[in-house]
Amino acid sequence: MSSVAKVFGAVDIGASGGRVVAGVVAAGRVTLHVVHRFPNGVVERDGHLRWDFTGLYREVLTGLRALASGFPEVVSIGIDTWAVDYGLLDEDGVLLAEPVAYRDGRTAEAVRRVHARVPPEALYEVNGLQFLPFTTLYQLEAERSSPLWDKAAHVVLLPDLLAYWLTGELRTELTNASTTGLLDVRTRTWAADLAADVPFPPLQEPGEVRGLLRPEVVAATGLPSTTPVTSVGSHDTASAVVALPAEGSRFAYVSSGTWSLVGVELPGPVLSARARELNFTNEGGVDGRTRFLRNVGGLWLLQESLREWGDADLPTLLAEAEALPPGGPTVDVDDPAFIPPGDMPNRIAAAATGPLRTPAETVRCVLDSLAVAYARTVDQAVALTGRDVDVIHVVGGGSRNDLLCRLTATLSGRRVTAGPTEATALGNVLVQARAHGAAPATLEAIRADLATTEHIRHHTP
């Protein structure tokens, strides 16, 4: 990396919140400065759960204005969000409605219609994805009965929609495209039989420049008119995997947040019948890698429980949960009952293998259950790929939870490294930095630098 400081802006939005981050790259290190945070969540509107995406865009502009104020020499901006959701644009590029959220229940009948045309095993052979009822493929099937479908000239995934509003350029970043169920996992192009009538913009690889900021954005933010938006791993997990402090190839990862993405990195997909039966997915990574993983339950269970409890203090609950003996009740964190928002503590209690009498017991149940799922999924990935795993890298919000990381080490029998917590924003920045000559050329070299940072914590079995 260059010794001259360069600044890259990362727009990083998850299902519960977003931020705009300044990544300062200098002397072989990246320092992240959050310049703006904002909440996110679904709202019920027109009979559906929707995102206030127009409001999120306003927050992004506020963040970019703060970025320009504090860091005037910004080299580039990159955008990542969660996967599978999209917006519909008319022929004039106008958003037809706020995007429906993946937690909306509209796809039940759509799943049956898709599988009647293309059996699940045939779908897996093409797209390599685990079955999830909210995958874009099923959402678009449900969308066809919407009055908006005939007006839609473009289907735009959410990070690409933000990039379009910033630059005026329509593209579909490839790592996020791989989560739609409409990409051919072998060729990394749109699957002709599945996506023929879906008006997606052309595909673009991470690291390619999307376009320069529109004059209106320059005026609203104060950023220079020469500032480009650079495509990154716009699926947030793809960016997080870039920032693993990994050495060699014998590693697994858990991107632990609202959802948990648990798997290994491979040079190509695994499409065996057993991989499909175990619900593993083959998603695109940066540099043509395959993220072979399972999407398992996540900290959503804890987040929704805390919301239900109101004024509960999380550090106190975690301390009380840690004091409880091992071997307590667990739940299947993949139970579809946990997908919608609502009274999560009662749903957890109803599904648990034993009684849960206090919030601390519920917290311990969630963390024990997540650790069980993490350990089991890593073992399955090893069996399916034949690649041994010596260390599990836990990144994202869950890496701050020492109890969760220790439980994962104990149950997996493997060393666990915790951090970086801000892996998604860091990976976003690093892909931009590499594209603009400020980071090493290979993922291995990038990760070797990250492995020497002092912010990584280690847990042994």
Protein backbone atom coordinates (compact mmCIF):
# COMPACT_ATOMS: atom_id res chain seq x y z
CA MET A 1 0.00 0.00 0.00
CA SER A 2 1.09 3.53 -0.66
CA SER A 3 2.54 5.58 2.20
CA VAL A 4 0.58 8.61 0.92
CA ALA A 5 -2.83 8.77 2.61
CA LYS A 6 -5.80 8.25 0.32
CA VAL A 7 -9.44 8.45 1.37
CA PHE A 8 -12.24 6.21 0.13
CA GLY A 9 -15.89 6.58 1.06
CA ALA A 10 -17.87 3.44 1.92
CA VAL A 11 -21.65 3.49 1.94
CA ASP A 12 -22.55 0.41 3.99
CA ILE A 13 -26.23 -0.29 4.67
CA GLY A 14 -27.70 -3.28 6.46
CA ALA A 15 -31.23 -4.28 7.29
CA SER A 16 -31.18 -2.49 10.66
CA GLY A 17 -28.94 0.49 9.97
CA GLY A 18 -26.47 2.18 7.68
CA ARG A 19 -23.43 4.38 7.79
CA VAL A 20 -21.09 6.33 5.60
CA VAL A 21 -17.46 5.62 6.41
CA ALA A 22 -14.20 7.33 5.47
CA GLY A 23 -11.49 4.75 4.89
CA VAL A 24 -8.05 6.35 5.17
CA VAL A 25 -5.42 4.16 3.50
CA ALA A 26 -1.80 4.96 4.42
CA ALA A 27 1.42 3.12 5.23
CA GLY A 28 -0.08 -0.32 4.77
CA ARG A 29 -3.03 0.23 7.09
CA VAL A 30 -6.66 1.26 6.77
CA THR A 31 -8.30 3.45 9.39
CA LEU A 32 -12.08 3.73 9.35
CA HIS A 33 -13.94 6.85 10.48
CA VAL A 34 -17.74 6.70 10.62
CA VAL A 35 -18.97 10.12 9.51
CA HIS A 36 -22.70 9.41 9.56
CA ARG A 37 -24.98 6.70 10.99
CA PHE A 38 -28.68 6.25 10.36
CA PRO A 39 -31.34 3.68 11.21
CA ASN A 40 -33.07 1.36 8.79
CA GLY A 41 -36.10 -0.87 9.06
CA VAL A 42 -39.21 -1.99 7.28
CA VAL A 43 -42.52 -0.13 7.26
CA GLU A 44 -45.94 -1.50 6.38
CA ARG A 45 -47.36 0.25 3.36
CA ASP A 46 -49.89 -0.78 0.69
CA GLY A 47 -50.27 -4.19 2.30
CA HIS A 48 -46.54 -5.01 2.17
CA LEU A 49 -43.42 -4.59 4.26
CA ARG A 50 -41.32 -2.04 2.41
CA TRP A 51 -38.04 -0.17 2.80
CA ASP A 52 -38.05 3.62 2.89
CA PHE A 53 -35.35 3.60 0.25
CA THR A 54 -35.89 7.19 -0.79
CA GLY A 55 -35.25 8.14 2.84
CA LEU A 56 -32.11 5.99 2.88
CA TYR A 57 -30.84 7.86 -0.17
CA ARG A 58 -31.34 11.16 1.64
CA GLU A 59 -29.28 9.76 4.52
CA VAL A 60 -26.57 8.71 2.07
CA LEU A 61 -26.40 12.26 0.71
CA THR A 62 -26.14 13.58 4.28
CA GLY A 63 -23.30 11.15 4.91
CA LEU A 64 -21.48 12.08 1.73
CA ARG A 65 -21.81 15.75 2.69
CA ALA A 66 -20.16 14.93 6.04
CA LEU A 67 -17.50 12.94 4.20
CA ALA A 68 -16.69 15.87 1.91
CA SER A 69 -16.55 18.23 4.88
CA GLY A 70 -14.14 16.13 6.91
CA PHE A 71 -12.12 14.52 4.12
CA PRO A 72 -11.95 16.81 1.10
CA GLU A 73 -9.65 14.56 -0.99
CA VAL A 74 -11.96 11.58 -1.53
CA VAL A 75 -10.66 9.25 -4.25
CA SER A 76 -13.78 7.15 -4.75
CA ILE A 77 -17.06 5.95 -3.25
CA GLY A 78 -18.26 2.33 -2.98
CA ILE A 79 -21.68 0.98 -2.03
CA ASP A 80 -22.79 -2.25 -0.37
CA THR A 81 -26.14 -3.35 1.07
CA TRP A 82 -27.99 -6.54 1.91
CA ALA A 83 -28.92 -8.87 -0.95
CA VAL A 84 -31.99 -10.08 -2.92
CA ASP A 85 -34.18 -6.93 -2.77
CA TYR A 86 -34.67 -4.61 -5.74
CA GLY A 87 -36.46 -1.55 -7.08
CA LEU A 88 -38.51 -1.19 -10.25
CA LEU A 89 -37.78 1.77 -12.52
CA ASP A 90 -39.96 2.97 -15.37
CA GLU A 91 -38.58 3.89 -18.79
CA ASP A 92 -37.71 7.37 -17.49
CA GLY A 93 -35.67 5.90 -14.61
CA VAL A 94 -38.26 6.80 -11.96
CA LEU A 95 -38.73 4.45 -9.01
CA LEU A 96 -42.26 3.06 -9.27
CA ALA A 97 -42.66 2.21 -5.57
CA GLU A 98 -40.55 1.81 -2.47
CA PRO A 99 -38.92 -1.66 -2.61
CA VAL A 100 -40.70 -4.57 -0.95
CA ALA A 101 -38.60 -6.08 1.86
CA TYR A 102 -37.49 -9.70 1.80
CA ARG A 103 -39.30 -10.32 5.10
CA ASP A 104 -42.64 -9.68 3.41
CA GLY A 105 -44.75 -12.83 3.08
CA ARG A 106 -45.72 -12.44 -0.58
CA THR A 107 -43.71 -15.33 -2.05
CA ALA A 108 -45.44 -18.47 -0.66
CA GLU A 109 -47.50 -19.13 -3.77
CA ALA A 110 -44.73 -17.81 -6.03
CA VAL A 111 -42.34 -20.49 -4.76
CA ARG A 112 -44.83 -23.20 -5.75
CA ARG A 113 -45.27 -21.71 -9.23
CA VAL A 114 -41.52 -21.51 -9.85
CA HIS A 115 -40.92 -25.07 -8.68
CA ALA A 116 -43.78 -26.31 -10.86
CA ARG A 117 -41.90 -24.97 -13.88
CA VAL A 118 -38.35 -25.75 -12.74
CA PRO A 119 -37.82 -28.39 -10.04
CA PRO A 120 -35.53 -27.36 -7.16
CA GLU A 121 -32.79 -29.80 -8.20
CA ALA A 122 -32.75 -28.30 -11.72
CA LEU A 123 -32.62 -24.78 -10.29
CA TYR A 124 -29.64 -25.73 -8.13
CA GLU A 125 -27.81 -27.13 -11.13
CA VAL A 126 -28.08 -23.68 -12.78
CA ASN A 127 -27.86 -21.13 -9.95
CA GLY A 128 -26.22 -23.16 -7.16
CA LEU A 129 -28.24 -21.38 -4.48
CA GLN A 130 -29.70 -22.71 -1.27
CA PHE A 131 -33.46 -22.50 -1.06
CA LEU A 132 -34.65 -19.32 0.62
CA PRO A 133 -38.27 -18.25 0.07
CA PHE A 134 -37.26 -14.61 -0.36
CA THR A 135 -34.64 -15.08 -3.09
CA THR A 136 -35.11 -12.52 -5.87
CA LEU A 137 -36.25 -15.26 -8.25
CA TYR A 138 -39.34 -15.87 -6.10
CA GLN A 139 -39.91 -12.20 -5.34
CA LEU A 140 -40.02 -11.43 -9.06
CA GLU A 141 -42.47 -14.27 -9.62
CA ALA A 142 -44.74 -12.65 -7.04
CA GLU A 143 -44.12 -9.25 -8.66
CA ARG A 144 -45.57 -10.40 -11.98
CA SER A 145 -49.07 -10.12 -10.55
CA SER A 146 -48.40 -6.55 -9.45
CA PRO A 147 -49.81 -3.71 -11.57
CA LEU A 148 -46.31 -2.21 -11.55
CA TRP A 149 -44.71 -5.08 -13.45
CA ASP A 150 -45.90 -3.99 -16.89
CA LYS A 151 -44.57 -0.48 -16.21
CA ALA A 152 -41.11 -1.68 -15.17
CA ALA A 153 -38.31 -0.99 -17.64
CA HIS A 154 -35.49 -1.92 -15.24
CA VAL A 155 -35.11 -4.25 -12.26
CA VAL A 156 -32.33 -2.76 -10.16
CA LEU A 157 -30.78 -4.35 -7.09
CA LEU A 158 -30.59 -1.98 -4.14
CA PRO A 159 -26.88 -1.05 -4.08
CA ASP A 160 -27.09 -0.52 -7.82
CA LEU A 161 -30.13 1.69 -7.31
CA LEU A 162 -28.12 3.93 -4.99
CA ALA A 163 -25.29 3.97 -7.52
CA TYR A 164 -27.77 4.92 -10.25
CA TRP A 165 -29.11 7.84 -8.24
CA LEU A 166 -25.54 8.99 -7.61
CA THR A 167 -24.17 8.57 -11.13
CA GLY A 168 -27.01 8.04 -13.59
CA GLU A 169 -25.40 4.76 -14.71
CA LEU A 170 -27.34 1.47 -14.62
CA ARG A 171 -25.39 -1.73 -13.99
CA THR A 172 -25.75 -4.89 -11.88
CA GLU A 173 -22.76 -5.70 -9.70
CA LEU A 174 -21.88 -9.37 -10.02
CA THR A 175 -21.56 -10.59 -6.42
CA ASN A 176 -25.05 -9.32 -5.63
CA ALA A 177 -26.41 -10.66 -8.91
CA SER A 178 -25.28 -14.10 -7.76
CA THR A 179 -27.81 -13.99 -4.90
CA THR A 180 -30.82 -13.46 -7.19
CA GLY A 181 -31.21 -17.08 -8.34
CA LEU A 182 -31.10 -15.83 -11.92
CA LEU A 183 -27.34 -16.01 -12.54
CA ASP A 184 -25.65 -19.08 -14.02
CA VAL A 185 -23.21 -20.14 -11.33
CA ARG A 186 -20.75 -21.64 -13.81
CA THR A 187 -20.60 -18.87 -16.42
CA ARG A 188 -21.34 -15.93 -14.05
CA THR A 189 -23.75 -14.57 -16.68
CA TRP A 190 -27.55 -14.27 -16.61
CA ALA A 191 -29.19 -17.68 -16.96
CA ALA A 192 -31.06 -17.41 -20.24
CA ASP A 193 -33.93 -19.72 -19.29
CA LEU A 194 -34.52 -18.02 -15.94
CA ALA A 195 -33.81 -14.34 -16.56
CA ALA A 196 -34.84 -13.94 -20.20
CA ASP A 197 -37.72 -11.54 -19.51
CA VAL A 198 -36.24 -9.75 -16.48
CA PRO A 199 -34.86 -6.33 -17.48
CA PHE A 200 -31.70 -6.32 -15.39
CA PRO A 201 -28.99 -3.81 -16.35
CA PRO A 202 -25.70 -5.27 -17.66
CA LEU A 203 -23.35 -7.02 -15.23
CA GLN A 204 -20.28 -5.34 -13.79
CA GLU A 205 -17.35 -6.80 -11.84
CA PRO A 206 -16.16 -5.41 -8.48
CA GLY A 207 -13.35 -2.93 -8.96
CA GLU A 208 -14.76 -1.36 -12.12
CA VAL A 209 -15.71 2.32 -12.11
CA ARG A 210 -19.49 2.80 -12.32
CA GLY A 211 -19.46 6.48 -13.18
CA LEU A 212 -18.89 10.01 -11.92
CA LEU A 213 -21.23 11.84 -9.56
CA ARG A 214 -24.14 13.64 -11.18
CA PRO A 215 -24.07 17.45 -10.96
CA GLU A 216 -27.04 17.39 -8.56
CA VAL A 217 -25.11 15.09 -6.21
CA VAL A 218 -22.01 17.27 -6.42
CA ALA A 219 -24.13 20.29 -5.45
CA ALA A 220 -25.82 18.42 -2.59
CA THR A 221 -22.64 16.94 -1.08
CA GLY A 222 -19.74 19.23 -1.93
CA LEU A 223 -17.73 16.33 -3.34
CA PRO A 224 -15.66 17.08 -6.47
CA SER A 225 -17.31 16.43 -9.83
CA THR A 226 -14.42 14.08 -10.65
CA THR A 227 -15.34 11.67 -7.81
CA PRO A 228 -16.20 8.23 -9.18
CA VAL A 229 -18.42 5.54 -7.74
CA THR A 230 -16.44 2.29 -7.92
CA SER A 231 -18.21 -1.07 -7.86
CA VAL A 232 -17.23 -3.18 -4.86
CA GLY A 233 -18.58 -6.47 -3.53
CA SER A 234 -21.97 -4.80 -3.29
CA HIS A 235 -23.48 -7.76 -1.48
CA ASP A 236 -22.31 -6.90 2.01
CA THR A 237 -21.07 -10.44 2.71
CA ALA A 238 -18.88 -10.34 -0.40
CA SER A 239 -17.21 -7.21 0.96
CA ALA A 240 -16.89 -8.73 4.44
CA VAL A 241 -15.11 -11.82 3.07
CA VAL A 242 -12.52 -9.60 1.37
CA ALA A 243 -11.55 -8.30 4.82
CA LEU A 244 -10.91 -11.66 6.50
CA PRO A 245 -7.54 -11.67 8.32
CA ALA A 246 -6.86 -15.06 6.76
CA GLU A 247 -3.57 -16.77 6.09
CA GLY A 248 -3.60 -19.66 3.63
CA SER A 249 -6.77 -21.44 2.54
CA ARG A 250 -7.67 -23.62 5.55
CA PHE A 251 -10.22 -21.21 6.99
CA ALA A 252 -13.95 -20.79 7.35
CA TYR A 253 -15.83 -17.60 8.07
CA VAL A 254 -18.93 -16.42 9.85
CA SER A 255 -20.21 -13.01 8.83
CA SER A 256 -22.32 -12.55 11.93
CA GLY A 257 -24.97 -9.88 11.89
CA THR A 258 -28.72 -9.78 11.39
CA TRP A 259 -28.12 -13.00 9.46
CA SER A 260 -25.15 -15.33 9.78
CA LEU A 261 -23.31 -16.34 6.62
CA VAL A 262 -21.19 -19.40 7.39
CA GLY A 263 -18.88 -21.05 4.89
CA VAL A 264 -15.59 -21.33 3.05
CA GLU A 265 -14.03 -19.65 0.02
CA LEU A 266 -13.43 -21.80 -3.06
CA PRO A 267 -12.19 -21.33 -6.64
CA GLY A 268 -15.48 -22.64 -8.03
CA PRO A 269 -18.94 -23.94 -7.11
CA VAL A 270 -19.91 -27.22 -5.46
CA LEU A 271 -23.14 -28.49 -7.04
CA SER A 272 -23.49 -31.98 -5.59
CA ALA A 273 -26.85 -33.41 -4.59
CA ARG A 274 -25.64 -33.52 -0.99
CA ALA A 275 -24.75 -29.81 -1.06
CA ARG A 276 -28.28 -29.05 -2.23
CA GLU A 277 -29.81 -31.32 0.42
CA LEU A 278 -27.85 -29.51 3.14
CA ASN A 279 -28.98 -26.17 1.68
CA PHE A 280 -25.54 -24.78 0.86
CA THR A 281 -25.26 -21.91 -1.57
CA ASN A 282 -22.65 -20.88 -4.13
CA GLU A 283 -22.46 -17.09 -4.24
CA GLY A 284 -20.05 -14.97 -6.23
CA GLY A 285 -17.08 -13.41 -4.53
CA VAL A 286 -14.51 -10.81 -5.51
CA ASP A 287 -11.92 -11.97 -8.07
CA GLY A 288 -14.14 -14.79 -9.33
CA ARG A 289 -14.07 -16.68 -6.03
CA THR A 290 -17.04 -18.72 -4.83
CA ARG A 291 -18.48 -18.14 -1.37
CA PHE A 292 -19.70 -21.65 -0.51
CA LEU A 293 -21.89 -21.08 2.51
CA ARG A 294 -25.17 -21.43 4.29
CA ASN A 295 -27.35 -18.52 5.27
CA VAL A 296 -28.30 -19.43 8.84
CA GLY A 297 -30.17 -17.54 11.54
CA GLY A 298 -28.45 -14.57 13.08
CA LEU A 299 -28.50 -11.87 15.70
CA TRP A 300 -31.95 -10.85 14.42
CA LEU A 301 -33.33 -13.13 17.14
CA LEU A 302 -31.47 -11.13 19.79
CA GLN A 303 -32.18 -7.76 18.16
CA GLU A 304 -35.91 -8.38 18.01
CA SER A 305 -35.95 -9.70 21.60
CA LEU A 306 -34.21 -6.56 22.85
CA ARG A 307 -36.71 -4.43 20.98
CA GLU A 308 -39.54 -6.33 22.64
CA TRP A 309 -37.98 -5.93 26.09
CA GLY A 310 -37.68 -2.17 25.64
CA ASP A 311 -35.19 -0.85 28.19
CA ALA A 312 -33.17 -4.06 28.67
CA ASP A 313 -29.41 -3.49 29.09
CA LEU A 314 -27.50 -5.78 26.73
CA PRO A 315 -24.15 -5.86 28.61
CA THR A 316 -25.98 -6.85 31.81
CA LEU A 317 -27.95 -9.54 29.98
CA LEU A 318 -24.78 -10.92 28.38
CA ALA A 319 -23.03 -11.11 31.76
CA GLU A 320 -26.03 -12.90 33.27
CA ALA A 321 -26.21 -15.24 30.26
CA GLU A 322 -22.53 -16.11 30.56
CA ALA A 323 -23.00 -17.04 34.23
CA LEU A 324 -25.59 -19.68 33.31
CA PRO A 325 -24.40 -23.30 33.07
CA PRO A 326 -23.83 -24.91 29.68
CA GLY A 327 -26.29 -27.37 28.23
CA GLY A 328 -29.35 -25.15 28.42
CA PRO A 329 -32.25 -24.98 25.97
CA THR A 330 -31.63 -24.36 22.28
CA VAL A 331 -33.68 -23.61 19.20
CA ASP A 332 -33.26 -24.20 15.48
CA VAL A 333 -32.17 -20.73 14.39
CA ASP A 334 -33.22 -21.59 10.82
CA ASP A 335 -36.87 -22.03 11.82
CA PRO A 336 -38.97 -19.90 9.41
CA ALA A 337 -41.02 -18.78 12.41
CA PHE A 338 -38.13 -16.44 13.30
CA ILE A 339 -38.09 -14.59 9.96
CA PRO A 340 -40.87 -12.00 10.50
CA PRO A 341 -40.60 -9.17 13.01
CA GLY A 342 -42.74 -9.35 16.12
CA ASP A 343 -42.85 -10.98 19.53
CA MET A 344 -39.53 -12.82 19.26
CA PRO A 345 -39.09 -13.88 22.94
CA ASN A 346 -42.38 -15.80 22.94
CA ARG A 347 -41.55 -17.46 19.62
CA ILE A 348 -38.14 -18.49 20.94
CA ALA A 349 -39.72 -19.86 24.13
CA ALA A 350 -42.26 -21.84 22.12
CA ALA A 351 -39.54 -23.45 20.01
CA ALA A 352 -36.93 -24.03 22.75
CA THR A 353 -35.98 -27.50 23.97
CA GLY A 354 -36.53 -26.40 27.57
CA PRO A 355 -38.18 -23.65 29.61
CA LEU A 356 -36.97 -20.07 29.34
CA ARG A 357 -37.99 -18.03 32.36
CA THR A 358 -35.86 -14.87 32.14
CA PRO A 359 -34.44 -12.58 29.43
CA ALA A 360 -30.92 -13.79 30.35
CA GLU A 361 -31.98 -17.39 29.69
CA THR A 362 -33.40 -16.34 26.33
CA VAL A 363 -30.15 -14.56 25.44
CA ARG A 364 -28.10 -17.63 26.39
CA CYS A 365 -30.46 -19.83 24.36
CA VAL A 366 -29.95 -17.62 21.28
CA LEU A 367 -26.15 -17.58 21.61
CA ASP A 368 -25.89 -21.32 22.32
CA SER A 369 -28.14 -22.00 19.35
CA LEU A 370 -26.10 -19.78 17.01
CA ALA A 371 -22.85 -21.41 18.11
CA VAL A 372 -24.33 -24.86 17.51
CA ALA A 373 -25.40 -23.77 14.02
CA TYR A 374 -21.98 -22.25 13.27
CA ALA A 375 -20.08 -25.36 14.34
CA ARG A 376 -22.43 -27.72 12.50
CA THR A 377 -22.30 -25.68 9.29
CA VAL A 378 -18.50 -25.52 9.25
CA ASP A 379 -18.34 -29.30 9.73
CA GLN A 380 -20.76 -29.74 6.83
CA ALA A 381 -18.71 -27.42 4.60
CA VAL A 382 -15.58 -29.45 5.35
CA ALA A 383 -17.37 -32.71 4.50
CA LEU A 384 -18.83 -31.32 1.26
CA THR A 385 -15.62 -29.75 -0.05
CA GLY A 386 -12.88 -31.97 1.40
CA ARG A 387 -11.10 -28.81 2.53
CA ASP A 388 -9.91 -28.91 6.13
CA VAL A 389 -10.52 -25.88 8.33
CA ASP A 390 -8.13 -24.88 11.11
CA VAL A 391 -9.59 -21.51 12.02
CA ILE A 392 -13.00 -19.82 11.88
CA HIS A 393 -12.98 -16.06 11.28
CA VAL A 394 -15.97 -14.36 12.88
CA VAL A 395 -16.49 -10.87 11.48
CA GLY A 396 -19.26 -8.30 11.73
CA GLY A 397 -21.30 -7.36 14.76
CA GLY A 398 -21.17 -10.86 16.23
CA SER A 399 -17.38 -10.62 16.54
CA ARG A 400 -17.90 -8.19 19.44
CA ASN A 401 -19.79 -10.86 21.35
CA ASP A 402 -17.04 -12.69 23.22
CA LEU A 403 -19.46 -15.26 24.62
CA LEU A 404 -20.71 -16.19 21.15
CA CYS A 405 -17.14 -16.50 19.85
CA ARG A 406 -16.00 -18.62 22.81
CA LEU A 407 -19.02 -20.91 22.47
CA THR A 408 -18.25 -21.30 18.76
CA ALA A 409 -14.64 -22.26 19.50
CA THR A 410 -15.71 -24.79 22.12
CA LEU A 411 -18.42 -26.43 20.05
CA SER A 412 -16.42 -26.48 16.80
CA GLY A 413 -13.14 -27.59 18.34
CA ARG A 414 -11.41 -24.98 16.20
CA ARG A 415 -9.59 -21.73 16.85
CA VAL A 416 -11.80 -18.67 16.37
CA THR A 417 -10.55 -15.22 15.48
CA ALA A 418 -12.93 -12.35 16.20
CA GLY A 419 -12.81 -9.26 14.03
CA PRO A 420 -12.66 -7.01 12.26
CA THR A 421 -16.07 -5.90 13.43
CA GLU A 422 -16.36 -3.46 10.53
CA ALA A 423 -15.35 -6.07 7.96
CA THR A 424 -17.98 -5.05 5.41
CA ALA A 425 -16.95 -1.39 5.30
CA LEU A 426 -13.29 -2.43 5.37
CA GLY A 427 -13.70 -4.81 2.43
CA ASN A 428 -15.62 -2.13 0.56
CA VAL A 429 -12.73 0.31 1.06
CA LEU A 430 -10.06 -2.26 0.15
CA VAL A 431 -11.64 -3.16 -3.19
CA GLN A 432 -11.83 0.54 -4.06
CA ALA A 433 -8.26 1.10 -2.87
CA ARG A 434 -6.95 -1.74 -5.00
CA ALA A 435 -8.82 -0.44 -8.05
CA HIS A 436 -7.16 2.95 -7.58
CA GLY A 437 -3.64 1.69 -6.83
CA ALA A 438 -3.66 2.04 -3.04
CA ALA A 439 -3.85 -1.63 -1.95
CA PRO A 440 -2.11 -4.90 -2.91
CA ALA A 441 -3.19 -6.63 -6.10
CA THR A 442 -4.26 -9.98 -4.60
CA LEU A 443 -6.73 -10.93 -1.88
CA GLU A 444 -4.03 -13.03 -0.25
CA ALA A 445 -1.74 -10.01 0.09
CA ILE A 446 -4.58 -7.84 1.39
CA ARG A 447 -5.48 -10.45 3.99
CA ALA A 448 -1.87 -10.96 5.05
CA ASP A 449 -1.74 -7.27 5.94
CA LEU A 450 -4.99 -7.55 7.89
CA ALA A 451 -3.74 -10.59 9.84
CA THR A 452 -1.05 -8.46 11.47
CA THR A 453 -3.44 -5.87 12.90
CA GLU A 454 -3.82 -5.57 16.63
CA HIS A 455 -7.63 -5.52 16.60
CA ILE A 456 -8.11 -9.27 16.08
CA ARG A 457 -9.01 -11.35 19.17
CA HIS A 458 -8.34 -15.07 19.41
CA HIS A 459 -10.39 -17.78 21.12
CA THR A 460 -9.22 -21.37 21.52
CA PRO A 461 -11.38 -24.48 21.97
